[in-house]
Protein backbone atom coordinates (compact mmCIF):
# COMPACT_ATOMS: atom_id res chain seq x y z
CA MET A 1 11.67 -62.59 8.17
CA ARG A 2 14.08 -62.09 5.43
CA ASN A 3 11.45 -61.34 2.71
CA ALA A 4 9.96 -58.63 5.35
CA ARG A 5 13.77 -57.18 5.61
CA SER A 6 14.01 -57.09 1.95
CA GLY A 7 10.67 -55.75 1.67
CA PHE A 8 11.21 -53.14 3.66
CA ALA A 9 14.92 -52.52 2.10
CA ALA A 10 13.09 -51.87 -0.91
CA TRP A 11 10.65 -49.49 0.41
CA VAL A 12 13.08 -47.43 1.53
CA ALA A 13 15.16 -47.42 -1.37
CA VAL A 14 12.06 -46.62 -3.58
CA TRP A 15 11.43 -43.37 -1.00
CA VAL A 16 15.20 -42.43 -1.20
CA LEU A 17 14.86 -42.16 -4.87
CA VAL A 18 11.67 -40.31 -4.83
CA LEU A 19 12.88 -38.08 -2.55
CA ALA A 20 16.31 -37.32 -3.92
CA LEU A 21 14.46 -36.26 -7.66
CA PRO A 22 13.69 -32.81 -6.67
CA CYS A 23 17.18 -32.23 -5.67
CA GLN A 24 18.53 -33.83 -8.97
CA ALA A 25 15.95 -31.72 -11.20
CA ALA A 26 16.96 -28.52 -9.24
CA ARG A 27 20.87 -29.16 -9.92
CA ALA A 28 19.65 -29.57 -13.73
CA GLY A 29 18.13 -26.58 -13.33
CA GLU A 30 14.64 -27.61 -14.22
CA VAL A 31 12.83 -26.45 -10.93
CA LYS A 32 11.92 -22.93 -11.28
CA LYS A 33 13.65 -20.49 -9.26
CA PRO A 34 11.65 -18.11 -6.86
CA ALA A 35 11.24 -14.36 -7.76
CA SER A 36 13.82 -12.02 -6.20
CA LEU A 37 13.02 -11.06 -2.89
CA ALA A 38 14.15 -7.23 -3.48
CA TRP A 39 11.69 -4.72 -2.01
CA VAL A 40 11.58 -1.50 -3.96
CA THR A 41 9.52 1.99 -3.72
CA PRO A 42 9.68 3.20 -7.72
CA ALA A 43 7.20 5.84 -7.63
CA VAL A 44 6.93 7.09 -3.56
CA ALA A 45 10.43 6.87 -2.93
CA GLY A 46 11.29 5.46 0.69
CA TYR A 47 7.84 4.66 1.46
CA GLY A 48 5.11 1.51 0.53
CA LYS A 49 7.74 -0.80 -0.27
CA VAL A 50 6.67 -3.57 -3.03
CA HIS A 51 8.05 -6.90 -3.95
CA PRO A 52 7.91 -7.08 -7.70
CA ARG A 53 5.95 -9.96 -9.07
CA PRO A 54 6.00 -10.20 -12.64
CA ASP A 55 5.19 -13.70 -12.59
CA ALA A 56 1.83 -13.50 -10.46
CA ALA A 57 -1.39 -14.57 -11.84
CA VAL A 58 -3.18 -11.43 -11.94
CA GLN A 59 -1.51 -7.90 -13.13
CA PRO A 60 -2.68 -4.50 -13.59
CA ASP A 61 -2.90 -3.94 -17.31
CA PRO A 62 -0.45 -0.88 -18.30
CA ALA A 63 -2.88 -0.04 -20.93
CA ALA A 64 -6.00 0.47 -18.43
CA ASP A 65 -6.81 3.70 -16.88
CA TYR A 66 -7.34 3.39 -13.15
CA ARG A 67 -9.66 5.49 -10.86
CA ILE A 68 -9.53 4.88 -7.16
CA PHE A 69 -10.75 6.89 -4.34
CA VAL A 70 -9.29 5.73 -1.31
CA ARG A 71 -10.55 6.48 2.07
CA VAL A 72 -7.57 6.66 4.64
CA THR A 73 -8.32 6.02 8.18
CA ASP A 74 -6.72 5.63 11.26
CA ASP A 75 -7.34 4.64 14.83
CA GLY A 76 -5.42 7.47 16.60
CA LYS A 77 -3.48 5.33 18.96
CA HIS A 78 0.03 5.88 17.76
CA PRO A 79 0.55 9.90 17.47
CA ARG A 80 4.19 9.31 17.18
CA GLU A 81 4.16 6.90 14.45
CA ARG A 82 3.82 7.39 11.05
CA MET A 83 0.02 6.12 10.30
CA HIS A 84 0.16 2.61 8.67
CA ALA A 85 -2.49 3.59 6.20
CA LEU A 86 -0.39 6.18 4.50
CA ASP A 87 2.25 3.21 3.82
CA ARG A 88 -0.49 0.94 2.18
CA LEU A 89 -1.69 4.00 0.16
CA ALA A 90 2.12 4.60 -0.86
CA ARG A 91 2.23 0.57 -1.57
CA LEU A 92 -0.84 0.92 -4.02
CA VAL A 93 0.99 3.61 -6.15
CA ASN A 94 4.22 1.84 -5.97
CA VAL A 95 2.52 -1.67 -7.12
CA MET A 96 0.85 0.34 -10.20
CA ALA A 97 4.55 1.54 -10.94
CA VAL A 98 5.88 -1.88 -10.47
CA ALA A 99 3.36 -3.33 -13.10
CA LYS A 100 4.40 -0.53 -15.65
CA VAL A 101 1.10 1.22 -15.51
CA PRO A 102 2.19 5.03 -16.48
CA PRO A 103 1.35 7.47 -13.93
CA SER A 104 -1.07 9.30 -16.62
CA HIS A 105 -3.33 6.06 -16.53
CA VAL A 106 -3.20 6.18 -12.38
CA HIS A 107 -5.94 8.50 -10.60
CA ILE A 108 -6.02 7.99 -6.90
CA VAL A 109 -8.00 10.36 -4.80
CA ALA A 110 -7.32 9.81 -1.01
CA LEU A 111 -9.58 11.17 1.75
CA LEU A 112 -7.94 11.53 5.14
CA ASP A 113 -10.99 10.94 7.25
CA GLY A 114 -11.59 10.68 10.75
CA GLU A 115 -8.55 10.39 12.88
CA ALA A 116 -6.27 10.19 9.60
CA SER A 117 -7.45 13.74 9.03
CA LEU A 118 -4.43 14.62 11.35
CA ALA A 119 -2.06 13.75 9.00
CA SER A 120 -3.00 16.93 6.97
CA ALA A 121 -2.26 19.13 9.98
CA THR A 122 0.86 21.30 10.17
CA ASP A 123 3.28 20.56 13.26
CA GLU A 124 1.50 23.50 15.42
CA VAL A 125 -1.87 22.03 15.31
CA TYR A 126 -0.92 18.28 15.40
CA ARG A 127 1.00 19.35 18.73
CA ARG A 128 -2.35 20.64 19.98
CA TYR A 129 -4.26 17.68 19.51
CA THR A 130 -1.45 15.02 20.29
CA LYS A 131 1.11 16.64 22.61
CA VAL A 132 3.66 15.21 19.83
CA ALA A 133 5.94 17.81 18.79
CA LYS A 134 6.09 17.16 14.91
CA ASN A 135 3.77 15.45 12.79
CA PRO A 136 5.17 12.04 11.76
CA ASN A 137 2.75 11.98 8.57
CA GLN A 138 4.42 15.07 6.68
CA ALA A 139 6.99 13.67 5.02
CA ILE A 140 4.83 10.77 3.47
CA VAL A 141 1.99 12.99 2.93
CA HIS A 142 4.59 15.23 0.61
CA ALA A 143 5.84 11.98 -1.04
CA LEU A 144 2.36 10.79 -2.12
CA HIS A 145 1.63 14.24 -3.39
CA GLN A 146 4.57 14.68 -5.39
CA ALA A 147 3.78 11.08 -6.71
CA GLY A 148 0.52 12.21 -8.05
CA VAL A 149 -1.90 11.29 -5.25
CA GLN A 150 -4.81 14.27 -4.76
CA LEU A 151 -5.18 14.22 -0.90
CA LEU A 152 -8.05 15.74 0.69
CA VAL A 153 -9.55 16.36 3.91
CA CYS A 154 -13.00 17.10 5.12
CA GLY A 155 -14.08 20.83 5.56
CA GLN A 156 -16.72 20.04 7.80
CA ALA A 157 -14.27 17.93 10.12
CA LEU A 158 -12.29 21.43 10.14
CA ALA A 159 -15.11 23.56 10.96
CA MET A 160 -16.14 21.24 13.96
CA GLU A 161 -12.44 21.50 15.61
CA ASN A 162 -12.68 25.22 14.83
CA LEU A 163 -9.56 25.10 12.50
CA PRO A 164 -9.00 27.40 9.51
CA ASP A 165 -7.90 26.38 6.14
CA SER A 166 -4.42 27.22 7.24
CA ALA A 167 -4.16 24.53 9.68
CA VAL A 168 -3.57 21.78 6.63
CA VAL A 169 -0.27 21.25 5.13
CA PRO A 170 -0.11 22.70 1.30
CA ASP A 171 -0.16 19.14 0.23
CA VAL A 172 -3.86 18.56 0.92
CA THR A 173 -6.73 20.21 -0.47
CA VAL A 174 -9.67 20.81 1.67
CA SER A 175 -12.96 19.48 0.18
CA LEU A 176 -16.59 20.26 1.16
CA SER A 177 -17.50 17.08 2.91
CA ALA A 178 -16.12 13.42 3.28
CA LEU A 179 -19.77 12.26 2.77
CA THR A 180 -20.28 14.04 -0.42
CA ASP A 181 -16.70 13.02 -1.66
CA VAL A 182 -17.38 9.43 -2.00
CA VAL A 183 -20.42 10.30 -3.93
CA VAL A 184 -18.90 13.07 -6.22
CA TYR A 185 -15.99 10.73 -7.16
CA GLY A 186 -17.96 7.57 -7.58
CA GLN A 187 -20.03 9.23 -10.24
CA LYS A 188 -16.81 10.30 -11.94
CA GLY A 189 -15.99 6.40 -12.28
CA TYR A 190 -13.79 6.11 -9.12
CA ILE A 191 -13.82 2.70 -7.39
CA TYR A 192 -13.84 2.94 -3.51
CA MET A 193 -11.08 1.52 -1.44
CA GLU A 194 -10.49 1.97 2.43
CA LEU A 195 -7.11 1.53 4.00
């Protein structure tokens, strides 16, 4: 019985030492500290916050040229709120900025498609379709445009709704068709992404 107790005590002592080692290493500065938990919006101010990770394994190459065609969609269920997909688009732009890719190397074309096409609407048109007084997407659409994102909306969708080009805010360009936009930009070497 005595040997069992002393064996158990030795086992406990070993585990106490094993568990104490990380604490001692941390005190000695040997354990790598986690990256800062700060969130930033360097390219699209106030939208699409990102957490810088210079220690991450996969990083965009600042010397490379990036051509990205983004199809932005929305379910239309929350017309009083800014579209989540637009924040993700802003995050894409901000991630490139955090990775130190120069704006001249980032070419993003974003197609507002389906319910997301309402993000391009003037307040008057938005109100007519949603019964919401102001389009909550206008500020982020403007910020994305200012950050260099080329925003498109389908001209065929406008025609189907009997809307003139004047129904679209100035930061968005009317394209011929969402169906052909993907093909045209694909032939120009743009990588397709959907948000």
